[in-house]
Amino acid sequence: MSVQILPVASDAARSLLDWYDRNARVLPWRTPPGSARRPDPYGVWLSEIMLQQTTVAAVIPYYEKFLARWPTVRHLAAAPLEEVLHAWAGLGYYARARNLHACAQVVVRDHGGRFPESEAALLALPGIGAYTAAAIASIAFGQRAVVVDGNVERVVSRLFAMETPLPAARPQVRALADQLTPEARAGDYAQAMMDLGAGVCTPRSPSCGVCPLAAGCAARASGTPERWPLKSPKAEKPTRHGLVFWLEAEGQVLLRRRPPRGLLGGLPEIPSSAWSETPVGSGWHLFDQAPVEADWQVLPGGVRHTFTHFHLELRVAQGRLPRRVNPPEGFWHPVAAIEAAGLPTVMLKAARHALTPRLV
């Protein structure tokens, strides 16, 4: 695709880097501009995986916890997957954790514990896509790479007031971002674009008065910069329903582990019925999916959680046994330590709902 860049934006990289030198965010995985210290590829990779579809504020405590527990890629590769998933619990998008562990093992086994420097080699690693490969290559190794995430899409779309909506505009956005990306200081430039989108060129109220690219920004000149980027209408997410079975005995609750692949793969959960688009209602018709026979009581209300492609509404059935039994599948966990069980967020919501009368 041939794209003619606007002459007024030809010095955008220089202006942006000057701004970044003065305003770079201080982040635990980042090397400040002008520092003689080289970025740690392991820390860059770990942060980029965690930051996928997750805010910086949410990532920082997880990043620091992971780095303290597994300070190198060799430590992470040697860890049991179950421990990695447990440490990841609450961060969401759990395929990232499985791929994180698999990637660490490949780096140790095939690359001697050192991350490859080229985008092509990085792309061959588990869990690393085009954006992440470009980010690692530029930030960790100083290579010129075109880094395009949601922030970059927004900045470029506004800079050129692009009338093609996303996602159809992505090839054009990338072509323009390629022309803007400098040969020198590629890592700083990539991080400067991220900082600009996160703190200045924000989705709803862009701060054009302090933007280093304001002079050449077509969206700002229009007077309504928040109009961009244009986006195609999203399809409405379906809602699925299910019934979870909170079963207690001798101060413990029955949990089970999900299959290793698929949604929430490998994580512990409260046993539940299949999830379908049929509302649960009273829930009685689902008791044949309960883990064991018990005197079940469906609690009032329920919990709601949103995944990438659907909403999930769960009702909670509560049961109690006089003593623990050996269920066909699953394991017992202390009720008092449920917050430390490594449950995914949706199941933690269900657990808190089951415990609500005891918490108030």
Protein backbone atom coordinates (compact mmCIF):
# COMPACT_ATOMS: atom_id res chain seq x y z
CA MET A 1 0.00 0.00 0.00
CA SER A 2 1.41 3.37 -1.02
CA VAL A 3 0.61 6.19 1.39
CA GLN A 4 1.76 9.78 0.98
CA ILE A 5 2.69 11.13 4.39
CA LEU A 6 1.74 14.73 5.15
CA PRO A 7 4.79 17.05 4.96
CA VAL A 8 3.66 18.86 8.12
CA ALA A 9 4.15 15.62 10.09
CA SER A 10 7.58 14.73 8.73
CA ASP A 11 9.35 15.94 11.91
CA ALA A 12 6.85 14.19 14.21
CA ALA A 13 9.40 11.65 15.47
CA ARG A 14 11.85 14.36 16.55
CA SER A 15 9.13 16.36 18.32
CA LEU A 16 7.80 13.24 20.02
CA LEU A 17 11.22 12.11 21.25
CA ASP A 18 11.97 15.58 22.64
CA TRP A 19 8.69 15.44 24.51
CA TYR A 20 9.41 11.90 25.75
CA ASP A 21 12.79 12.95 27.13
CA ARG A 22 10.98 15.36 29.43
CA ASN A 23 7.79 13.42 30.18
CA ALA A 24 8.52 9.68 30.06
CA ARG A 25 6.48 7.66 32.54
CA VAL A 26 8.44 5.91 35.28
CA LEU A 27 7.54 2.22 35.04
CA PRO A 28 9.24 -0.76 36.72
CA TRP A 29 10.07 -2.48 33.42
CA ARG A 30 11.30 0.64 31.64
CA THR A 31 14.79 2.08 31.21
CA PRO A 32 14.60 5.90 31.37
CA PRO A 33 15.56 7.82 28.20
CA GLY A 34 19.25 8.70 28.15
CA SER A 35 20.15 5.88 30.55
CA ALA A 36 23.35 3.94 29.89
CA ARG A 37 21.65 0.80 31.19
CA ARG A 38 20.22 -1.52 28.55
CA PRO A 39 16.67 -2.79 28.99
CA ASP A 40 16.32 -6.34 30.27
CA PRO A 41 14.70 -8.41 27.45
CA TYR A 42 13.07 -10.71 30.01
CA GLY A 43 11.44 -7.78 31.82
CA VAL A 44 10.35 -6.16 28.55
CA TRP A 45 8.80 -9.43 27.33
CA LEU A 46 7.08 -10.10 30.67
CA SER A 47 5.59 -6.61 30.78
CA GLU A 48 4.41 -6.70 27.17
CA ILE A 49 2.61 -10.00 27.66
CA MET A 50 0.94 -8.74 30.83
CA LEU A 51 -0.04 -5.43 29.23
CA GLN A 52 -2.04 -7.10 26.44
CA GLN A 53 -5.62 -5.85 26.96
CA THR A 54 -4.74 -4.90 30.55
CA THR A 55 -4.05 -1.51 32.14
CA VAL A 56 -0.66 -0.42 33.45
CA ALA A 57 -2.11 0.07 36.94
CA ALA A 58 -3.39 -3.53 37.03
CA VAL A 59 -0.14 -4.96 35.65
CA ILE A 60 2.43 -3.31 37.95
CA PRO A 61 1.76 -5.43 41.11
CA TYR A 62 1.65 -8.65 39.06
CA TYR A 63 4.86 -7.73 37.24
CA GLU A 64 6.67 -7.03 40.48
CA LYS A 65 5.36 -10.23 42.05
CA PHE A 66 6.44 -12.34 39.06
CA LEU A 67 9.87 -10.73 38.90
CA ALA A 68 10.45 -11.26 42.62
CA ARG A 69 9.41 -14.91 42.40
CA TRP A 70 10.98 -15.74 39.01
CA PRO A 71 13.77 -13.18 38.42
CA THR A 72 15.00 -14.74 35.15
CA VAL A 73 13.50 -16.61 32.24
CA ARG A 74 15.23 -19.77 33.48
CA HIS A 75 13.46 -19.50 36.84
CA LEU A 76 10.11 -19.07 35.10
CA ALA A 77 10.73 -21.96 32.72
CA ALA A 78 11.50 -24.27 35.64
CA ALA A 79 8.34 -23.35 37.55
CA PRO A 80 5.33 -25.70 37.47
CA LEU A 81 2.60 -24.36 35.18
CA GLU A 82 0.07 -24.64 38.02
CA GLU A 83 2.12 -22.16 40.11
CA VAL A 84 2.34 -19.71 37.20
CA LEU A 85 -1.42 -19.90 36.65
CA HIS A 86 -2.01 -19.37 40.37
CA ALA A 87 0.22 -16.27 40.40
CA TRP A 88 -1.61 -14.98 37.31
CA ALA A 89 -5.06 -15.38 38.88
CA GLY A 90 -7.09 -12.17 38.61
CA LEU A 91 -5.14 -10.72 35.68
CA GLY A 92 -7.44 -12.34 33.11
CA TYR A 93 -6.92 -13.70 29.59
CA TYR A 94 -5.31 -16.83 31.02
CA ALA A 95 -4.03 -18.15 27.69
CA ARG A 96 -1.35 -15.49 28.16
CA ALA A 97 -0.09 -17.26 31.28
CA ARG A 98 0.05 -20.64 29.57
CA ASN A 99 1.87 -19.12 26.59
CA LEU A 100 4.16 -17.19 28.95
CA HIS A 101 5.29 -20.44 30.56
CA ALA A 102 5.63 -22.22 27.21
CA CYS A 103 7.61 -19.32 25.76
CA ALA A 104 10.02 -19.30 28.71
CA GLN A 105 10.67 -23.01 28.20
CA VAL A 106 11.33 -22.54 24.47
CA VAL A 107 13.71 -19.64 25.12
CA VAL A 108 15.67 -21.78 27.58
CA ARG A 109 15.59 -24.96 25.50
CA ASP A 110 16.17 -23.52 22.02
CA HIS A 111 17.93 -20.19 22.66
CA GLY A 112 20.13 -20.86 25.66
CA GLY A 113 18.02 -18.66 27.92
CA ARG A 114 18.47 -15.55 25.75
CA PHE A 115 15.62 -13.94 23.83
CA PRO A 116 16.26 -13.70 20.08
CA GLU A 117 16.68 -10.16 18.77
CA SER A 118 14.91 -10.27 15.41
CA GLU A 119 11.18 -9.81 14.91
CA ALA A 120 11.01 -12.99 12.83
CA ALA A 121 12.59 -15.13 15.54
CA LEU A 122 10.47 -13.52 18.25
CA LEU A 123 7.32 -14.20 16.22
CA ALA A 124 8.14 -17.90 16.28
CA LEU A 125 7.87 -18.01 20.09
CA PRO A 126 4.61 -19.05 21.83
CA GLY A 127 2.26 -16.17 22.65
CA ILE A 128 4.19 -13.52 20.70
CA GLY A 129 2.30 -11.80 17.88
CA ALA A 130 3.24 -8.99 15.53
CA TYR A 131 2.81 -6.17 18.04
CA THR A 132 4.68 -7.91 20.86
CA ALA A 133 7.54 -8.99 18.57
CA ALA A 134 7.97 -5.42 17.32
CA ALA A 135 7.80 -4.00 20.85
CA ILE A 136 10.45 -6.39 22.20
CA ALA A 137 12.72 -5.91 19.18
CA SER A 138 12.60 -2.12 19.46
CA ILE A 139 12.51 -1.63 23.24
CA ALA A 140 14.81 -4.46 24.35
CA PHE A 141 17.20 -4.53 21.40
CA GLY A 142 16.98 -1.05 19.83
CA GLN A 143 15.95 -2.35 16.42
CA ARG A 144 13.77 -0.29 14.13
CA ALA A 145 10.37 -1.95 14.28
CA VAL A 146 6.88 -0.66 13.61
CA VAL A 147 5.00 -0.95 16.90
CA VAL A 148 1.24 -0.54 16.51
CA ASP A 149 -1.14 -0.98 19.44
CA GLY A 150 -4.43 0.72 20.32
CA ASN A 151 -2.65 3.89 21.43
CA VAL A 152 -0.70 4.12 18.17
CA GLU A 153 -3.85 3.50 16.15
CA ARG A 154 -5.57 6.39 17.90
CA VAL A 155 -2.62 8.80 17.52
CA VAL A 156 -2.08 8.02 13.83
CA SER A 157 -5.80 8.08 13.04
CA ARG A 158 -6.06 11.56 14.55
CA LEU A 159 -2.81 12.85 13.11
CA PHE A 160 -4.13 12.17 9.60
CA ALA A 161 -7.89 12.40 10.34
CA MET A 162 -8.40 9.01 8.70
CA GLU A 163 -11.92 8.49 7.40
CA THR A 164 -11.64 4.72 7.04
CA PRO A 165 -12.96 3.11 10.24
CA LEU A 166 -11.09 0.54 12.26
CA PRO A 167 -10.43 -2.32 11.89
CA ALA A 168 -10.45 -1.85 8.09
CA ALA A 169 -8.00 1.07 8.45
CA ARG A 170 -5.28 -1.01 10.14
CA PRO A 171 -3.15 -1.63 7.04
CA GLN A 172 -3.13 2.12 6.32
CA VAL A 173 -2.39 2.94 9.96
CA ARG A 174 0.58 0.58 9.87
CA ALA A 175 1.88 2.08 6.62
CA LEU A 176 1.73 5.58 8.08
CA ALA A 177 3.27 4.42 11.37
CA ASP A 178 6.09 2.86 9.36
CA GLN A 179 6.85 6.19 7.70
CA LEU A 180 6.84 7.98 11.04
CA THR A 181 9.10 5.48 12.86
CA PRO A 182 12.72 6.72 13.01
CA GLU A 183 15.85 4.64 12.50
CA ALA A 184 17.45 5.85 15.75
CA ARG A 185 16.01 5.47 19.25
CA ALA A 186 13.35 3.05 18.03
CA GLY A 187 12.59 1.77 21.52
CA ASP A 188 12.19 5.24 22.98
CA TYR A 189 9.98 6.22 20.05
CA ALA A 190 7.71 3.20 20.57
CA GLN A 191 7.35 3.98 24.27
CA ALA A 192 6.81 7.67 23.52
CA MET A 193 3.87 6.79 21.28
CA MET A 194 2.44 4.60 24.05
CA ASP A 195 2.82 7.39 26.60
CA LEU A 196 1.29 9.94 24.26
CA GLY A 197 -1.78 7.79 23.69
CA ALA A 198 -2.10 6.88 27.36
CA GLY A 199 -1.75 10.35 28.84
CA VAL A 200 -2.32 13.02 26.18
CA CYS A 201 -4.10 11.69 23.09
CA THR A 202 -6.69 9.91 25.22
CA PRO A 203 -9.90 8.40 23.82
CA ARG A 204 -12.47 10.90 25.14
CA SER A 205 -10.74 14.11 26.14
CA PRO A 206 -7.43 14.55 24.30
CA SER A 207 -5.15 17.23 25.77
CA CYS A 208 -4.24 18.86 22.46
CA GLY A 209 -2.80 21.93 24.18
CA VAL A 210 0.20 19.95 25.48
CA CYS A 211 0.57 17.48 22.61
CA PRO A 212 3.96 17.57 20.83
CA LEU A 213 2.25 16.63 17.55
CA ALA A 214 -0.54 19.20 17.77
CA ALA A 215 0.84 21.52 15.09
CA GLY A 216 0.54 18.86 12.41
CA CYS A 217 -2.56 17.05 13.65
CA ALA A 218 -5.48 17.10 11.22
CA ALA A 219 -7.96 15.95 13.88
CA ARG A 220 -7.03 18.87 16.14
CA ALA A 221 -7.40 21.27 13.22
CA SER A 222 -10.93 19.95 12.67
CA GLY A 223 -11.94 21.10 16.17
CA THR A 224 -13.34 17.67 17.14
CA PRO A 225 -10.30 15.41 17.68
CA GLU A 226 -12.26 13.01 19.86
CA ARG A 227 -14.20 11.97 16.74
CA TRP A 228 -11.23 9.79 15.75
CA PRO A 229 -10.49 6.98 15.34
CA LEU A 230 -13.64 6.01 13.50
CA LYS A 231 -14.77 2.49 14.36
CA SER A 232 -17.13 0.04 12.71
CA PRO A 233 -20.11 -0.95 14.89
CA LYS A 234 -19.39 -3.91 17.15
CA ALA A 235 -21.59 -6.96 17.10
CA GLU A 236 -23.58 -7.37 20.30
CA LYS A 237 -22.12 -9.97 22.64
CA PRO A 238 -24.34 -12.94 23.48
CA THR A 239 -25.11 -13.81 27.09
CA ARG A 240 -24.55 -17.30 28.43
CA HIS A 241 -25.89 -18.72 31.67
CA GLY A 242 -24.85 -21.36 34.15
CA LEU A 243 -25.23 -22.71 37.67
CA VAL A 244 -22.24 -23.16 39.99
CA PHE A 245 -22.29 -25.66 42.83
CA TRP A 246 -20.80 -24.34 46.07
CA LEU A 247 -20.43 -27.49 48.21
CA GLU A 248 -19.00 -27.30 51.74
CA ALA A 249 -17.93 -30.04 54.15
CA GLU A 250 -15.84 -29.75 57.31
CA GLY A 251 -14.87 -26.15 56.57
CA GLN A 252 -13.73 -26.90 53.03
CA VAL A 253 -15.27 -26.29 49.61
CA LEU A 254 -15.14 -28.55 46.58
CA LEU A 255 -13.19 -27.19 43.61
CA ARG A 256 -12.07 -28.73 40.35
CA ARG A 257 -9.55 -27.89 37.66
CA ARG A 258 -10.60 -26.88 34.17
CA PRO A 259 -9.20 -28.71 31.13
CA PRO A 260 -5.68 -27.51 30.17
CA ARG A 261 -6.84 -25.98 26.89
CA GLY A 262 -9.57 -23.50 26.11
CA LEU A 263 -11.16 -20.72 28.14
CA LEU A 264 -9.61 -20.43 31.63
CA GLY A 265 -7.60 -23.52 30.78
CA GLY A 266 -5.86 -25.23 33.70
CA LEU A 267 -7.35 -22.97 36.37
CA PRO A 268 -9.27 -24.09 39.46
CA GLU A 269 -12.99 -23.39 39.48
CA ILE A 270 -16.15 -24.06 41.42
CA PRO A 271 -17.92 -26.98 39.71
CA SER A 272 -20.62 -25.68 37.37
CA SER A 273 -23.14 -26.73 34.82
CA ALA A 274 -22.47 -26.26 31.14
CA TRP A 275 -22.81 -22.63 30.02
CA SER A 276 -25.58 -22.05 27.50
CA GLU A 277 -27.74 -19.22 26.18
CA THR A 278 -30.74 -20.57 28.11
CA PRO A 279 -31.39 -18.61 31.35
CA VAL A 280 -30.98 -20.70 34.49
CA GLY A 281 -34.26 -19.71 36.13
CA SER A 282 -34.75 -21.76 39.31
CA GLY A 283 -31.83 -23.99 38.35
CA TRP A 284 -33.57 -27.26 39.29
CA HIS A 285 -33.21 -28.72 35.80
CA LEU A 286 -29.41 -28.42 36.09
CA PHE A 287 -28.93 -30.39 39.30
CA ASP A 288 -28.15 -33.53 37.31
CA GLN A 289 -24.84 -31.77 36.53
CA ALA A 290 -23.98 -31.31 40.22
CA PRO A 291 -20.70 -32.96 41.32
CA VAL A 292 -22.44 -35.02 44.05
CA GLU A 293 -25.92 -35.47 45.45
CA ALA A 294 -26.72 -32.93 48.16
CA ASP A 295 -29.53 -30.80 49.54
CA TRP A 296 -28.96 -27.93 47.10
CA GLN A 297 -30.41 -24.45 47.59
CA VAL A 298 -30.24 -21.83 44.84
CA LEU A 299 -29.24 -18.50 46.32
CA PRO A 300 -31.04 -15.27 45.39
CA GLY A 301 -29.32 -13.09 42.80
CA GLY A 302 -26.19 -14.07 40.95
CA VAL A 303 -23.01 -12.76 39.35
CA ARG A 304 -22.19 -11.39 35.92
CA HIS A 305 -18.85 -11.40 34.14
CA THR A 306 -17.80 -10.32 30.67
CA PHE A 307 -15.32 -12.25 28.55
CA THR A 308 -13.95 -11.12 25.20
CA HIS A 309 -16.74 -12.68 23.15
CA PHE A 310 -19.67 -13.12 25.54
CA HIS A 311 -21.27 -12.15 28.85
CA LEU A 312 -21.73 -14.82 31.49
CA GLU A 313 -24.43 -14.83 34.17
CA LEU A 314 -24.09 -17.39 36.95
CA ARG A 315 -26.44 -18.38 39.71
CA VAL A 316 -25.08 -20.15 42.77
CA ALA A 317 -26.43 -23.36 44.28
CA GLN A 318 -25.26 -23.97 47.82
CA GLY A 319 -24.98 -27.39 49.42
CA ARG A 320 -23.46 -28.89 52.55
CA LEU A 321 -22.28 -32.37 53.54
CA PRO A 322 -21.61 -33.63 57.08
CA ARG A 323 -18.20 -34.92 56.00
CA ARG A 324 -15.95 -34.79 52.97
CA VAL A 325 -16.38 -37.44 50.30
CA ASN A 326 -14.12 -38.39 47.42
CA PRO A 327 -15.83 -36.80 44.41
CA PRO A 328 -15.50 -38.23 40.89
CA GLU A 329 -13.36 -35.18 40.07
CA GLY A 330 -12.05 -32.23 42.01
CA PHE A 331 -10.38 -31.46 45.31
CA TRP A 332 -11.21 -29.80 48.62
CA HIS A 333 -9.92 -26.37 49.60
CA PRO A 334 -10.34 -24.45 52.90
CA VAL A 335 -13.25 -22.02 52.70
CA ALA A 336 -11.35 -19.51 54.83
CA ALA A 337 -8.55 -19.44 52.22
CA ILE A 338 -10.74 -19.18 49.13
CA GLU A 339 -9.24 -15.81 48.15
CA ALA A 340 -5.85 -17.54 47.85
CA ALA A 341 -7.10 -20.48 45.80
CA GLY A 342 -6.09 -18.94 42.47
CA LEU A 343 -9.65 -18.81 41.16
CA PRO A 344 -10.28 -16.78 38.01
CA THR A 345 -12.22 -13.57 38.60
CA VAL A 346 -15.58 -14.96 37.52
CA MET A 347 -15.31 -17.84 40.01
CA LEU A 348 -14.08 -15.55 42.76
CA LYS A 349 -17.22 -13.47 42.22
CA ALA A 350 -19.33 -16.63 42.61
CA ALA A 351 -17.45 -17.61 45.78
CA ARG A 352 -17.99 -14.18 47.31
CA HIS A 353 -21.67 -14.40 46.41
CA ALA A 354 -21.94 -17.75 48.17
CA LEU A 355 -20.22 -16.31 51.23
CA THR A 356 -22.07 -12.98 51.29
CA PRO A 357 -24.36 -13.80 54.28
CA ARG A 358 -21.22 -14.53 56.32
CA LEU A 359 -19.36 -11.42 55.14
CA VAL A 360 -22.01 -8.81 55.96
